[in-house]
Amino acid sequence: MRIVFIGPPGAGKGTQCRQLSSHYGIPHISTGEMLRATSEHSPIGRMIAQLIDGGNLAPDELVMQYVVERLRKPDCQPGALFDGFPRTVAQAGMLDEYLAKKDAPLDMVIHLAAESDPLVKRLLERAQKESRADDTYETIQARLEIYDQRTKPVLDYYRDAGLVSSVDAMQTAEGVFQSICGAIEQRIGSQLPTSLS
């Protein structure tokens, strides 16, 4: 089961992927967490930190290297939940090419749909709780603009492939989870392991 999750910052991709990972036994791959974990004591780590703190995206090829390295691990053989990746059409093309070589295409794309104003409030609250330096008002606005400019076209890319199912991300977390499970069951239920379907 290979599913991409796309949605603006604060839509709940990480929260839902962690719960779904536990529910289905499929690894959760968060490029944001992987990039943040890169040591800031290395030149590449400092570059990544500066990009993320400024609300920008890391280079496509660099992100893909992290993803491929993760996908090669044995626990990813049954599939993966891609949290916020791909973020650009170029990354989507790279992922498709890699998965095609493995004869393991994406099963679907979950679009977590949400309006900007409630998301800004949600992210500012998260910044206070988690002490996240990259979640200032200005950075959040910059990230939302980048999402509109560079990641929304990824949705069109996947819609053209007939892979997208949209879910209202402004429901309660449990409501979003149930909606996602329903979308997965509807689209790929027959492919799920018997214990999960």
C-alpha atoms as a PDB file:
ATOM      1  CA  MET A   1       0.000   0.000   0.000  1.00  0.00           C
ATOM      2  CA  ARG A   2       1.670   3.183  -1.220  1.00  0.00           C
ATOM      3  CA  ILE A   3      -0.219   6.404  -0.488  1.00  0.00           C
ATOM      4  CA  VAL A   4       0.827  10.035  -0.895  1.00  0.00           C
ATOM      5  CA  PHE A   5      -0.660  12.629   1.468  1.00  0.00           C
ATOM      6  CA  ILE A   6      -0.882  16.182   0.157  1.00  0.00           C
ATOM      7  CA  GLY A   7      -2.219  19.190   1.996  1.00  0.00           C
ATOM      8  CA  PRO A   8      -1.173  22.663   3.116  1.00  0.00           C
ATOM      9  CA  PRO A   9       0.985  23.184   6.205  1.00  0.00           C
ATOM     10  CA  GLY A  10      -1.059  22.430   9.316  1.00  0.00           C
ATOM     11  CA  ALA A  11      -3.622  20.218   7.559  1.00  0.00           C
ATOM     12  CA  GLY A  12      -2.684  17.294   9.805  1.00  0.00           C
ATOM     13  CA  LYS A  13      -0.621  15.121   7.457  1.00  0.00           C
ATOM     14  CA  GLY A  14       1.814  14.013  10.162  1.00  0.00           C
ATOM     15  CA  THR A  15      -0.888  13.347  12.753  1.00  0.00           C
ATOM     16  CA  GLN A  16      -2.946  11.255  10.356  1.00  0.00           C
ATOM     17  CA  CYS A  17       0.029   9.368   8.899  1.00  0.00           C
ATOM     18  CA  ARG A  18       1.250   8.363  12.354  1.00  0.00           C
ATOM     19  CA  GLN A  19      -2.192   7.006  13.271  1.00  0.00           C
ATOM     20  CA  LEU A  20      -2.616   5.274   9.898  1.00  0.00           C
ATOM     21  CA  SER A  21       0.874   3.781  10.161  1.00  0.00           C
ATOM     22  CA  SER A  22      -0.086   2.159  13.453  1.00  0.00           C
ATOM     23  CA  HIS A  23      -3.490   1.086  12.105  1.00  0.00           C
ATOM     24  CA  TYR A  24      -2.253  -0.522   8.885  1.00  0.00           C
ATOM     25  CA  GLY A  25       1.289  -1.471   9.866  1.00  0.00           C
ATOM     26  CA  ILE A  26       2.758   0.568   7.007  1.00  0.00           C
ATOM     27  CA  PRO A  27       5.789   2.870   7.574  1.00  0.00           C
ATOM     28  CA  HIS A  28       5.244   6.623   7.757  1.00  0.00           C
ATOM     29  CA  ILE A  29       7.809   8.547   5.699  1.00  0.00           C
ATOM     30  CA  SER A  30       8.060  12.234   6.611  1.00  0.00           C
ATOM     31  CA  THR A  31      10.609  14.116   4.544  1.00  0.00           C
ATOM     32  CA  GLY A  32      10.203  17.122   6.840  1.00  0.00           C
ATOM     33  CA  GLU A  33      11.257  15.081   9.876  1.00  0.00           C
ATOM     34  CA  MET A  34      14.127  13.480   7.963  1.00  0.00           C
ATOM     35  CA  LEU A  35      15.423  16.852   6.814  1.00  0.00           C
ATOM     36  CA  ARG A  36      15.084  18.419  10.266  1.00  0.00           C
ATOM     37  CA  ALA A  37      17.039  15.499  11.725  1.00  0.00           C
ATOM     38  CA  THR A  38      20.032  16.224   9.491  1.00  0.00           C
ATOM     39  CA  SER A  39      22.883  17.468  11.638  1.00  0.00           C
ATOM     40  CA  GLU A  40      23.198  21.249  11.625  1.00  0.00           C
ATOM     41  CA  HIS A  41      26.917  20.782  12.251  1.00  0.00           C
ATOM     42  CA  SER A  42      27.421  19.720   8.633  1.00  0.00           C
ATOM     43  CA  PRO A  43      27.350  22.151   5.685  1.00  0.00           C
ATOM     44  CA  ILE A  44      24.349  20.381   4.128  1.00  0.00           C
ATOM     45  CA  GLY A  45      22.585  20.345   7.486  1.00  0.00           C
ATOM     46  CA  ARG A  46      23.041  24.106   7.891  1.00  0.00           C
ATOM     47  CA  MET A  47      21.777  24.703   4.361  1.00  0.00           C
ATOM     48  CA  ILE A  48      18.668  22.593   5.012  1.00  0.00           C
ATOM     49  CA  ALA A  49      18.031  24.338   8.343  1.00  0.00           C
ATOM     50  CA  GLN A  50      18.240  27.758   6.690  1.00  0.00           C
ATOM     51  CA  LEU A  51      15.822  26.697   3.950  1.00  0.00           C
ATOM     52  CA  ILE A  52      13.265  25.213   6.324  1.00  0.00           C
ATOM     53  CA  ASP A  53      13.487  28.065   8.852  1.00  0.00           C
ATOM     54  CA  GLY A  54      12.844  30.471   5.981  1.00  0.00           C
ATOM     55  CA  GLY A  55       9.785  28.519   4.874  1.00  0.00           C
ATOM     56  CA  ASN A  56      11.463  27.253   1.686  1.00  0.00           C
ATOM     57  CA  LEU A  57      11.749  23.790   0.144  1.00  0.00           C
ATOM     58  CA  ALA A  58      14.890  21.670   0.050  1.00  0.00           C
ATOM     59  CA  PRO A  59      16.245  20.805  -3.440  1.00  0.00           C
ATOM     60  CA  ASP A  60      14.252  18.105  -5.258  1.00  0.00           C
ATOM     61  CA  GLU A  61      17.216  15.784  -5.866  1.00  0.00           C
ATOM     62  CA  LEU A  62      18.315  15.972  -2.226  1.00  0.00           C
ATOM     63  CA  VAL A  63      14.850  15.136  -0.930  1.00  0.00           C
ATOM     64  CA  MET A  64      14.557  12.220  -3.351  1.00  0.00           C
ATOM     65  CA  GLN A  65      17.871  10.826  -2.095  1.00  0.00           C
ATOM     66  CA  TYR A  66      16.467  10.729   1.442  1.00  0.00           C
ATOM     67  CA  VAL A  67      13.254   9.050   0.239  1.00  0.00           C
ATOM     68  CA  VAL A  68      15.045   6.382  -1.834  1.00  0.00           C
ATOM     69  CA  GLU A  69      17.366   5.588   1.074  1.00  0.00           C
ATOM     70  CA  ARG A  70      14.319   5.108   3.322  1.00  0.00           C
ATOM     71  CA  LEU A  71      12.376   3.041   0.759  1.00  0.00           C
ATOM     72  CA  ARG A  72      15.287   0.597   0.457  1.00  0.00           C
ATOM     73  CA  LYS A  73      14.836  -0.506   4.080  1.00  0.00           C
ATOM     74  CA  PRO A  74      13.056  -3.855   4.561  1.00  0.00           C
ATOM     75  CA  ASP A  75      10.087  -2.441   6.502  1.00  0.00           C
ATOM     76  CA  CYS A  76       9.031  -0.456   3.417  1.00  0.00           C
ATOM     77  CA  GLN A  77       8.523  -3.554   1.275  1.00  0.00           C
ATOM     78  CA  PRO A  78       4.765  -3.739   2.051  1.00  0.00           C
ATOM     79  CA  GLY A  79       4.427  -0.042   1.224  1.00  0.00           C
ATOM     80  CA  ALA A  80       4.711   3.444   2.675  1.00  0.00           C
ATOM     81  CA  LEU A  81       2.686   6.486   3.669  1.00  0.00           C
ATOM     82  CA  PHE A  82       4.340   9.559   2.131  1.00  0.00           C
ATOM     83  CA  ASP A  83       3.792  12.571   4.400  1.00  0.00           C
ATOM     84  CA  GLY A  84       4.061  15.810   2.431  1.00  0.00           C
ATOM     85  CA  PHE A  85       6.100  14.223  -0.337  1.00  0.00           C
ATOM     86  CA  PRO A  86       6.283  14.873  -3.220  1.00  0.00           C
ATOM     87  CA  ARG A  87       6.055  18.644  -2.795  1.00  0.00           C
ATOM     88  CA  THR A  88       6.831  19.532  -6.420  1.00  0.00           C
ATOM     89  CA  VAL A  89       5.869  18.097  -9.809  1.00  0.00           C
ATOM     90  CA  ALA A  90       9.550  17.270 -10.375  1.00  0.00           C
ATOM     91  CA  GLN A  91       9.589  15.191  -7.175  1.00  0.00           C
ATOM     92  CA  ALA A  92       6.361  13.454  -8.265  1.00  0.00           C
ATOM     93  CA  GLY A  93       8.007  12.495 -11.541  1.00  0.00           C
ATOM     94  CA  MET A  94      11.100  11.176  -9.741  1.00  0.00           C
ATOM     95  CA  LEU A  95       8.952   9.109  -7.380  1.00  0.00           C
ATOM     96  CA  ASP A  96       6.896   7.672 -10.241  1.00  0.00           C
ATOM     97  CA  GLU A  97      10.064   6.730 -12.105  1.00  0.00           C
ATOM     98  CA  TYR A  98      11.574   5.045  -9.047  1.00  0.00           C
ATOM     99  CA  LEU A  99       8.384   3.111  -8.210  1.00  0.00           C
ATOM    100  CA  ALA A 100       7.932   2.052 -11.854  1.00  0.00           C
ATOM    101  CA  LYS A 101      11.377   0.414 -11.773  1.00  0.00           C
ATOM    102  CA  LYS A 102      10.256  -1.506  -8.682  1.00  0.00           C
ATOM    103  CA  ASP A 103       6.921  -2.405 -10.314  1.00  0.00           C
ATOM    104  CA  ALA A 104       5.263  -0.870  -7.258  1.00  0.00           C
ATOM    105  CA  PRO A 105       3.146   2.131  -8.363  1.00  0.00           C
ATOM    106  CA  LEU A 106       1.215   4.443  -6.055  1.00  0.00           C
ATOM    107  CA  ASP A 107      -2.206   3.169  -5.000  1.00  0.00           C
ATOM    108  CA  MET A 108      -3.739   6.571  -4.305  1.00  0.00           C
ATOM    109  CA  VAL A 109      -3.248  10.172  -3.181  1.00  0.00           C
ATOM    110  CA  ILE A 110      -5.105  11.615  -0.179  1.00  0.00           C
ATOM    111  CA  HIS A 111      -5.712  15.365  -0.465  1.00  0.00           C
ATOM    112  CA  LEU A 112      -6.264  16.935   2.960  1.00  0.00           C
ATOM    113  CA  ALA A 113      -8.280  19.995   1.972  1.00  0.00           C
ATOM    114  CA  ALA A 114      -8.312  23.069   4.241  1.00  0.00           C
ATOM    115  CA  GLU A 115      -8.693  26.851   4.136  1.00  0.00           C
ATOM    116  CA  SER A 116      -5.696  29.074   4.929  1.00  0.00           C
ATOM    117  CA  ASP A 117      -6.982  31.210   7.848  1.00  0.00           C
ATOM    118  CA  PRO A 118      -7.807  28.331  10.235  1.00  0.00           C
ATOM    119  CA  LEU A 119      -4.487  26.708   9.338  1.00  0.00           C
ATOM    120  CA  VAL A 120      -2.486  29.795  10.320  1.00  0.00           C
ATOM    121  CA  LYS A 121      -4.162  29.766  13.738  1.00  0.00           C
ATOM    122  CA  ARG A 122      -3.539  26.023  14.100  1.00  0.00           C
ATOM    123  CA  LEU A 123       0.149  26.364  13.184  1.00  0.00           C
ATOM    124  CA  LEU A 124       0.742  29.279  15.560  1.00  0.00           C
ATOM    125  CA  GLU A 125      -0.771  27.221  18.385  1.00  0.00           C
ATOM    126  CA  ARG A 126       1.442  24.274  17.427  1.00  0.00           C
ATOM    127  CA  ALA A 127       4.511  26.532  17.424  1.00  0.00           C
ATOM    128  CA  GLN A 128       3.834  27.505  21.037  1.00  0.00           C
ATOM    129  CA  LYS A 129       3.237  23.925  22.187  1.00  0.00           C
ATOM    130  CA  GLU A 130       6.207  22.404  20.363  1.00  0.00           C
ATOM    131  CA  SER A 131       8.612  25.382  20.473  1.00  0.00           C
ATOM    132  CA  ARG A 132       9.075  25.236  16.703  1.00  0.00           C
ATOM    133  CA  ALA A 133      11.243  28.143  15.585  1.00  0.00           C
ATOM    134  CA  ASP A 134      10.188  27.676  11.953  1.00  0.00           C
ATOM    135  CA  ASP A 135       6.493  28.361  12.734  1.00  0.00           C
ATOM    136  CA  THR A 136       6.387  32.156  12.937  1.00  0.00           C
ATOM    137  CA  TYR A 137       3.512  34.061  11.306  1.00  0.00           C
ATOM    138  CA  GLU A 138       5.762  35.268   8.468  1.00  0.00           C
ATOM    139  CA  THR A 139       7.218  31.804   7.842  1.00  0.00           C
ATOM    140  CA  ILE A 140       3.764  30.201   7.898  1.00  0.00           C
ATOM    141  CA  GLN A 141       2.560  32.689   5.280  1.00  0.00           C
ATOM    142  CA  ALA A 142       5.637  31.963   3.166  1.00  0.00           C
ATOM    143  CA  ARG A 143       5.049  28.210   3.433  1.00  0.00           C
ATOM    144  CA  LEU A 144       1.401  28.597   2.419  1.00  0.00           C
ATOM    145  CA  GLU A 145       2.440  30.669  -0.613  1.00  0.00           C
ATOM    146  CA  ILE A 146       5.014  28.041  -1.621  1.00  0.00           C
ATOM    147  CA  TYR A 147       2.363  25.353  -1.209  1.00  0.00           C
ATOM    148  CA  ASP A 148       0.027  27.259  -3.539  1.00  0.00           C
ATOM    149  CA  GLN A 149       2.734  27.867  -6.125  1.00  0.00           C
ATOM    150  CA  ARG A 150       4.647  24.574  -6.117  1.00  0.00           C
ATOM    151  CA  THR A 151       2.625  21.833  -4.412  1.00  0.00           C
ATOM    152  CA  LYS A 152      -0.910  22.492  -5.641  1.00  0.00           C
ATOM    153  CA  PRO A 153       0.243  21.643  -9.202  1.00  0.00           C
ATOM    154  CA  VAL A 154       1.212  18.198  -7.831  1.00  0.00           C
ATOM    155  CA  LEU A 155      -2.482  17.625  -7.112  1.00  0.00           C
ATOM    156  CA  ASP A 156      -3.280  18.329 -10.761  1.00  0.00           C
ATOM    157  CA  TYR A 157      -0.508  15.919 -11.776  1.00  0.00           C
ATOM    158  CA  TYR A 158      -2.091  13.143  -9.705  1.00  0.00           C
ATOM    159  CA  ARG A 159      -5.662  14.080 -10.631  1.00  0.00           C
ATOM    160  CA  ASP A 160      -4.717  13.555 -14.260  1.00  0.00           C
ATOM    161  CA  ALA A 161      -3.638  10.051 -13.226  1.00  0.00           C
ATOM    162  CA  GLY A 162      -6.964   9.475 -11.451  1.00  0.00           C
ATOM    163  CA  LEU A 163      -5.343   8.889  -8.062  1.00  0.00           C
ATOM    164  CA  VAL A 164      -6.734  11.686  -5.858  1.00  0.00           C
ATOM    165  CA  SER A 165      -9.330  11.329  -3.106  1.00  0.00           C
ATOM    166  CA  SER A 166     -10.121  14.528  -1.140  1.00  0.00           C
ATOM    167  CA  VAL A 167     -10.862  14.642   2.593  1.00  0.00           C
ATOM    168  CA  ASP A 168     -12.043  17.643   4.634  1.00  0.00           C
ATOM    169  CA  ALA A 169      -9.087  18.305   6.953  1.00  0.00           C
ATOM    170  CA  MET A 170     -11.039  20.716   9.160  1.00  0.00           C
ATOM    171  CA  GLN A 171     -13.062  17.933  10.798  1.00  0.00           C
ATOM    172  CA  THR A 172     -11.965  16.582  14.173  1.00  0.00           C
ATOM    173  CA  ALA A 173      -8.802  14.477  13.996  1.00  0.00           C
ATOM    174  CA  GLU A 174     -10.900  11.333  14.499  1.00  0.00           C
ATOM    175  CA  GLY A 175     -13.324  12.440  11.785  1.00  0.00           C
ATOM    176  CA  VAL A 176     -10.451  12.962   9.355  1.00  0.00           C
ATOM    177  CA  PHE A 177      -9.010   9.548  10.256  1.00  0.00           C
ATOM    178  CA  GLN A 178     -12.324   7.800   9.625  1.00  0.00           C
ATOM    179  CA  SER A 179     -12.779   9.655   6.319  1.00  0.00           C
ATOM    180  CA  ILE A 180      -9.302   8.618   5.175  1.00  0.00           C
ATOM    181  CA  CYS A 181      -9.891   4.979   6.156  1.00  0.00           C
ATOM    182  CA  GLY A 182     -13.161   5.076   4.207  1.00  0.00           C
ATOM    183  CA  ALA A 183     -11.405   6.485   1.137  1.00  0.00           C
ATOM    184  CA  ILE A 184      -8.686   3.815   1.369  1.00  0.00           C
ATOM    185  CA  GLU A 185     -11.267   1.045   1.769  1.00  0.00           C
ATOM    186  CA  GLN A 186     -13.250   2.326  -1.202  1.00  0.00           C
ATOM    187  CA  ARG A 187     -10.265   2.611  -3.527  1.00  0.00           C
ATOM    188  CA  ILE A 188      -7.956  -0.255  -2.546  1.00  0.00           C
ATOM    189  CA  GLY A 189      -9.912  -2.297  -0.006  1.00  0.00           C
ATOM    190  CA  SER A 190      -9.699  -5.469  -2.074  1.00  0.00           C
ATOM    191  CA  GLN A 191      -5.882  -5.170  -2.023  1.00  0.00           C
ATOM    192  CA  LEU A 192      -5.582  -4.765   1.752  1.00  0.00           C
ATOM    193  CA  PRO A 193      -4.399  -7.709   3.841  1.00  0.00           C
ATOM    194  CA  THR A 194      -7.341  -9.730   5.154  1.00  0.00           C
ATOM    195  CA  SER A 195      -6.673  -8.615   8.728  1.00  0.00           C
ATOM    196  CA  LEU A 196      -6.998  -4.944   7.691  1.00  0.00           C
ATOM    197  CA  SER A 197      -9.872  -5.037   5.204  1.00  0.00           C
END
